[in-house]
Amino acid sequence: PEWGESTEQVGLRARIDEVAGRINDYLGELEQIGCLFKGFEEGLVDFHGKLDGKEIFWCWKQGEDRIDHWHELDAGYAGRQPVPEVVRG
């Protein structure tokens, strides 16, 4: 324990470390399946894919029901475009 920490603070610190470790494990799992986590603030995840034979990122944002956007590999969130209707089905 750090100097002056209460038992409760020590317990909370241990819990925070445990949760942070689990989050890092989940992020590692996302990377293993080809997903790029873009941050907690926006809750963005990019997935490698192809559209019309071109390498792209499918782009999902927290709160969206499905993957409805894509962007060029170098475009980022600002370059998000709607998935063409013919692809959506």
N, C-alpha and C. Protein backbone atom coordinates (compact mmCIF):
# COMPACT_ATOMS: atom_id res chain seq x y z
N PRO A 1 0.83 -1.21 0.00
CA PRO A 1 0.00 0.00 0.00
C PRO A 1 0.86 1.26 0.00
N GLU A 2 0.33 2.27 -0.65
CA GLU A 2 0.99 3.57 -0.64
C GLU A 2 0.85 4.17 0.75
N TRP A 3 1.77 5.04 1.10
CA TRP A 3 1.75 5.69 2.40
C TRP A 3 0.43 6.40 2.59
N GLY A 4 -0.22 6.15 3.68
CA GLY A 4 -1.46 6.84 4.04
C GLY A 4 -2.72 6.28 3.41
N GLU A 5 -2.62 5.21 2.61
CA GLU A 5 -3.82 4.65 2.00
C GLU A 5 -4.59 3.81 3.01
N SER A 6 -5.89 3.94 2.95
CA SER A 6 -6.74 3.11 3.81
C SER A 6 -6.88 1.72 3.19
N THR A 7 -7.40 0.81 3.97
CA THR A 7 -7.66 -0.55 3.47
C THR A 7 -8.61 -0.49 2.28
N GLU A 8 -9.60 0.39 2.37
CA GLU A 8 -10.55 0.54 1.27
C GLU A 8 -9.85 1.02 0.00
N GLN A 9 -8.96 2.00 0.13
CA GLN A 9 -8.23 2.51 -1.03
C GLN A 9 -7.35 1.42 -1.65
N VAL A 10 -6.71 0.62 -0.82
CA VAL A 10 -5.87 -0.47 -1.32
C VAL A 10 -6.74 -1.46 -2.10
N GLY A 11 -7.91 -1.78 -1.56
CA GLY A 11 -8.83 -2.69 -2.24
C GLY A 11 -9.32 -2.13 -3.57
N LEU A 12 -9.64 -0.84 -3.58
CA LEU A 12 -10.09 -0.21 -4.82
C LEU A 12 -8.98 -0.19 -5.86
N ARG A 13 -7.76 0.08 -5.43
CA ARG A 13 -6.63 0.09 -6.36
C ARG A 13 -6.45 -1.30 -6.98
N ALA A 14 -6.58 -2.34 -6.18
CA ALA A 14 -6.46 -3.71 -6.69
C ALA A 14 -7.57 -4.01 -7.70
N ARG A 15 -8.78 -3.56 -7.39
CA ARG A 15 -9.91 -3.78 -8.30
C ARG A 15 -9.71 -3.05 -9.62
N ILE A 16 -9.22 -1.81 -9.55
CA ILE A 16 -8.94 -1.04 -10.76
C ILE A 16 -7.90 -1.76 -11.61
N ASP A 17 -6.85 -2.25 -10.98
CA ASP A 17 -5.81 -2.97 -11.71
C ASP A 17 -6.38 -4.22 -12.38
N GLU A 18 -7.27 -4.91 -11.68
CA GLU A 18 -7.89 -6.12 -12.23
C GLU A 18 -8.74 -5.79 -13.45
N VAL A 19 -9.57 -4.76 -13.34
CA VAL A 19 -10.45 -4.37 -14.45
C VAL A 19 -9.62 -3.87 -15.63
N ALA A 20 -8.59 -3.09 -15.36
CA ALA A 20 -7.72 -2.60 -16.43
C ALA A 20 -7.06 -3.77 -17.16
N GLY A 21 -6.65 -4.78 -16.43
CA GLY A 21 -6.06 -5.96 -17.05
C GLY A 21 -7.05 -6.68 -17.95
N ARG A 22 -8.30 -6.78 -17.50
CA ARG A 22 -9.33 -7.43 -18.32
C ARG A 22 -9.61 -6.63 -19.59
N ILE A 23 -9.65 -5.31 -19.46
CA ILE A 23 -9.87 -4.46 -20.63
C ILE A 23 -8.74 -4.67 -21.63
N ASN A 24 -7.51 -4.69 -21.16
CA ASN A 24 -6.38 -4.92 -22.06
C ASN A 24 -6.47 -6.29 -22.73
N ASP A 25 -6.93 -7.30 -22.00
CA ASP A 25 -7.13 -8.62 -22.60
C ASP A 25 -8.17 -8.56 -23.71
N TYR A 26 -9.28 -7.85 -23.48
CA TYR A 26 -10.32 -7.72 -24.50
C TYR A 26 -9.79 -6.99 -25.73
N LEU A 27 -9.01 -5.93 -25.51
CA LEU A 27 -8.44 -5.20 -26.64
C LEU A 27 -7.50 -6.10 -27.44
N GLY A 28 -6.75 -6.94 -26.75
CA GLY A 28 -5.88 -7.90 -27.43
C GLY A 28 -6.67 -8.89 -28.26
N GLU A 29 -7.81 -9.34 -27.74
CA GLU A 29 -8.68 -10.25 -28.50
C GLU A 29 -9.21 -9.57 -29.76
N LEU A 30 -9.60 -8.31 -29.64
CA LEU A 30 -10.06 -7.57 -30.82
C LEU A 30 -8.96 -7.52 -31.88
N GLU A 31 -7.74 -7.21 -31.47
CA GLU A 31 -6.62 -7.15 -32.41
C GLU A 31 -6.38 -8.50 -33.07
N GLN A 32 -6.50 -9.57 -32.31
CA GLN A 32 -6.26 -10.91 -32.85
C GLN A 32 -7.24 -11.27 -33.97
N ILE A 33 -8.44 -10.73 -33.92
CA ILE A 33 -9.41 -11.04 -34.98
C ILE A 33 -9.46 -9.94 -36.04
N GLY A 34 -8.49 -9.03 -36.02
CA GLY A 34 -8.37 -8.04 -37.08
C GLY A 34 -9.11 -6.75 -36.85
N CYS A 35 -9.53 -6.48 -35.64
CA CYS A 35 -10.25 -5.24 -35.33
C CYS A 35 -9.29 -4.22 -34.74
N LEU A 36 -9.52 -2.97 -35.08
CA LEU A 36 -8.72 -1.89 -34.53
C LEU A 36 -9.61 -1.03 -33.64
N PHE A 37 -9.37 -1.06 -32.35
CA PHE A 37 -10.14 -0.25 -31.41
C PHE A 37 -9.61 1.17 -31.46
N LYS A 38 -10.50 2.13 -31.66
CA LYS A 38 -10.09 3.52 -31.88
C LYS A 38 -10.29 4.43 -30.68
N GLY A 39 -10.79 3.93 -29.58
CA GLY A 39 -10.89 4.78 -28.40
C GLY A 39 -12.20 4.65 -27.66
N PHE A 40 -12.12 4.90 -26.36
CA PHE A 40 -13.29 4.78 -25.50
C PHE A 40 -14.26 5.94 -25.67
N GLU A 41 -13.75 7.13 -25.96
CA GLU A 41 -14.61 8.31 -26.03
C GLU A 41 -15.71 8.13 -27.06
N GLU A 42 -15.34 7.73 -28.27
CA GLU A 42 -16.30 7.56 -29.35
C GLU A 42 -16.77 6.12 -29.47
N GLY A 43 -16.03 5.19 -28.90
CA GLY A 43 -16.39 3.78 -29.02
C GLY A 43 -16.29 3.27 -30.44
N LEU A 44 -15.21 3.63 -31.13
CA LEU A 44 -15.03 3.26 -32.53
C LEU A 44 -14.23 1.98 -32.67
N VAL A 45 -14.66 1.15 -33.63
CA VAL A 45 -13.91 -0.05 -33.99
C VAL A 45 -13.89 -0.14 -35.50
N ASP A 46 -12.70 -0.36 -36.07
CA ASP A 46 -12.54 -0.57 -37.51
C ASP A 46 -12.22 -2.03 -37.76
N PHE A 47 -12.71 -2.53 -38.90
CA PHE A 47 -12.50 -3.92 -39.31
C PHE A 47 -11.92 -3.91 -40.71
N HIS A 48 -10.83 -4.63 -40.92
CA HIS A 48 -10.28 -4.74 -42.27
C HIS A 48 -11.30 -5.41 -43.17
N GLY A 49 -11.38 -4.94 -44.40
CA GLY A 49 -12.30 -5.55 -45.35
C GLY A 49 -12.01 -5.10 -46.77
N LYS A 50 -12.88 -5.50 -47.67
CA LYS A 50 -12.77 -5.12 -49.08
C LYS A 50 -14.13 -4.63 -49.55
N LEU A 51 -14.08 -3.63 -50.40
CA LEU A 51 -15.28 -3.12 -51.04
C LEU A 51 -14.91 -2.85 -52.49
N ASP A 52 -15.61 -3.47 -53.40
CA ASP A 52 -15.31 -3.35 -54.83
C ASP A 52 -13.85 -3.68 -55.12
N GLY A 53 -13.31 -4.69 -54.43
CA GLY A 53 -11.94 -5.14 -54.66
C GLY A 53 -10.87 -4.28 -54.01
N LYS A 54 -11.26 -3.25 -53.29
CA LYS A 54 -10.31 -2.33 -52.66
C LYS A 54 -10.26 -2.57 -51.15
N GLU A 55 -9.04 -2.56 -50.58
CA GLU A 55 -8.87 -2.69 -49.13
C GLU A 55 -9.44 -1.46 -48.44
N ILE A 56 -10.30 -1.69 -47.45
CA ILE A 56 -10.95 -0.60 -46.71
C ILE A 56 -11.05 -0.99 -45.24
N PHE A 57 -11.59 -0.08 -44.45
CA PHE A 57 -12.02 -0.40 -43.09
C PHE A 57 -13.53 -0.27 -43.03
N TRP A 58 -14.20 -1.34 -42.56
CA TRP A 58 -15.59 -1.22 -42.14
C TRP A 58 -15.53 -0.52 -40.80
N CYS A 59 -16.45 0.37 -40.53
CA CYS A 59 -16.36 1.22 -39.35
C CYS A 59 -17.65 1.14 -38.53
N TRP A 60 -17.50 0.81 -37.26
CA TRP A 60 -18.64 0.73 -36.35
C TRP A 60 -18.41 1.67 -35.18
N LYS A 61 -19.48 2.33 -34.75
CA LYS A 61 -19.42 3.25 -33.62
C LYS A 61 -20.42 2.79 -32.57
N GLN A 62 -20.00 2.89 -31.30
CA GLN A 62 -20.89 2.51 -30.20
C GLN A 62 -22.25 3.18 -30.37
N GLY A 63 -23.30 2.40 -30.19
CA GLY A 63 -24.65 2.91 -30.34
C GLY A 63 -25.27 2.57 -31.69
N GLU A 64 -24.45 2.22 -32.68
CA GLU A 64 -24.98 1.83 -33.98
C GLU A 64 -25.41 0.36 -33.92
N ASP A 65 -26.53 0.06 -34.55
CA ASP A 65 -27.07 -1.30 -34.52
C ASP A 65 -26.28 -2.27 -35.37
N ARG A 66 -25.65 -1.75 -36.41
CA ARG A 66 -24.88 -2.61 -37.31
C ARG A 66 -23.78 -1.78 -37.98
N ILE A 67 -22.96 -2.45 -38.75
CA ILE A 67 -21.88 -1.75 -39.45
C ILE A 67 -22.48 -1.14 -40.72
N ASP A 68 -22.66 0.16 -40.70
CA ASP A 68 -23.28 0.88 -41.81
C ASP A 68 -22.33 1.85 -42.50
N HIS A 69 -21.05 1.85 -42.11
CA HIS A 69 -20.10 2.81 -42.69
C HIS A 69 -18.78 2.13 -43.01
N TRP A 70 -18.03 2.77 -43.87
CA TRP A 70 -16.70 2.31 -44.23
C TRP A 70 -15.86 3.55 -44.49
N HIS A 71 -14.54 3.37 -44.54
CA HIS A 71 -13.67 4.47 -44.95
C HIS A 71 -12.38 3.91 -45.53
N GLU A 72 -11.70 4.74 -46.30
CA GLU A 72 -10.40 4.37 -46.88
C GLU A 72 -9.43 4.09 -45.74
N LEU A 73 -8.40 3.31 -46.01
CA LEU A 73 -7.44 2.95 -44.97
C LEU A 73 -6.78 4.16 -44.34
N ASP A 74 -6.57 5.22 -45.12
CA ASP A 74 -5.88 6.40 -44.60
C ASP A 74 -6.82 7.57 -44.30
N ALA A 75 -8.13 7.34 -44.38
CA ALA A 75 -9.08 8.45 -44.23
C ALA A 75 -9.50 8.68 -42.79
N GLY A 76 -9.65 7.64 -42.00
CA GLY A 76 -10.11 7.81 -40.63
C GLY A 76 -11.58 8.14 -40.53
N TYR A 77 -12.01 8.44 -39.32
CA TYR A 77 -13.42 8.67 -39.02
C TYR A 77 -14.02 9.78 -39.88
N ALA A 78 -13.25 10.82 -40.14
CA ALA A 78 -13.76 11.94 -40.93
C ALA A 78 -14.13 11.51 -42.35
N GLY A 79 -13.54 10.42 -42.82
CA GLY A 79 -13.82 9.93 -44.16
C GLY A 79 -14.90 8.87 -44.23
N ARG A 80 -15.63 8.68 -43.14
CA ARG A 80 -16.68 7.64 -43.12
C ARG A 80 -17.72 7.90 -44.21
N GLN A 81 -18.09 6.82 -44.87
CA GLN A 81 -19.11 6.88 -45.91
C GLN A 81 -20.13 5.78 -45.65
N PRO A 82 -21.38 6.00 -46.04
CA PRO A 82 -22.38 4.95 -45.84
C PRO A 82 -22.06 3.73 -46.70
N VAL A 83 -22.35 2.56 -46.16
CA VAL A 83 -22.21 1.32 -46.93
C VAL A 83 -23.25 1.37 -48.05
N PRO A 84 -22.84 1.09 -49.29
CA PRO A 84 -23.81 1.11 -50.39
C PRO A 84 -24.97 0.15 -50.14
N GLU A 85 -26.15 0.54 -50.54
CA GLU A 85 -27.36 -0.26 -50.33
C GLU A 85 -27.22 -1.66 -50.91
N VAL A 86 -26.56 -1.77 -52.06
CA VAL A 86 -26.40 -3.07 -52.70
C VAL A 86 -25.57 -4.03 -51.83
N VAL A 87 -24.66 -3.49 -51.02
CA VAL A 87 -23.85 -4.31 -50.13
C VAL A 87 -24.66 -4.69 -48.89
N ARG A 88 -25.46 -3.76 -48.40
CA ARG A 88 -26.26 -3.99 -47.20
C ARG A 88 -27.30 -5.09 -47.41
N GLY A 89 -27.85 -5.12 -48.61
CA GLY A 89 -28.83 -6.16 -48.94
C GLY A 89 -30.21 -5.89 -48.49
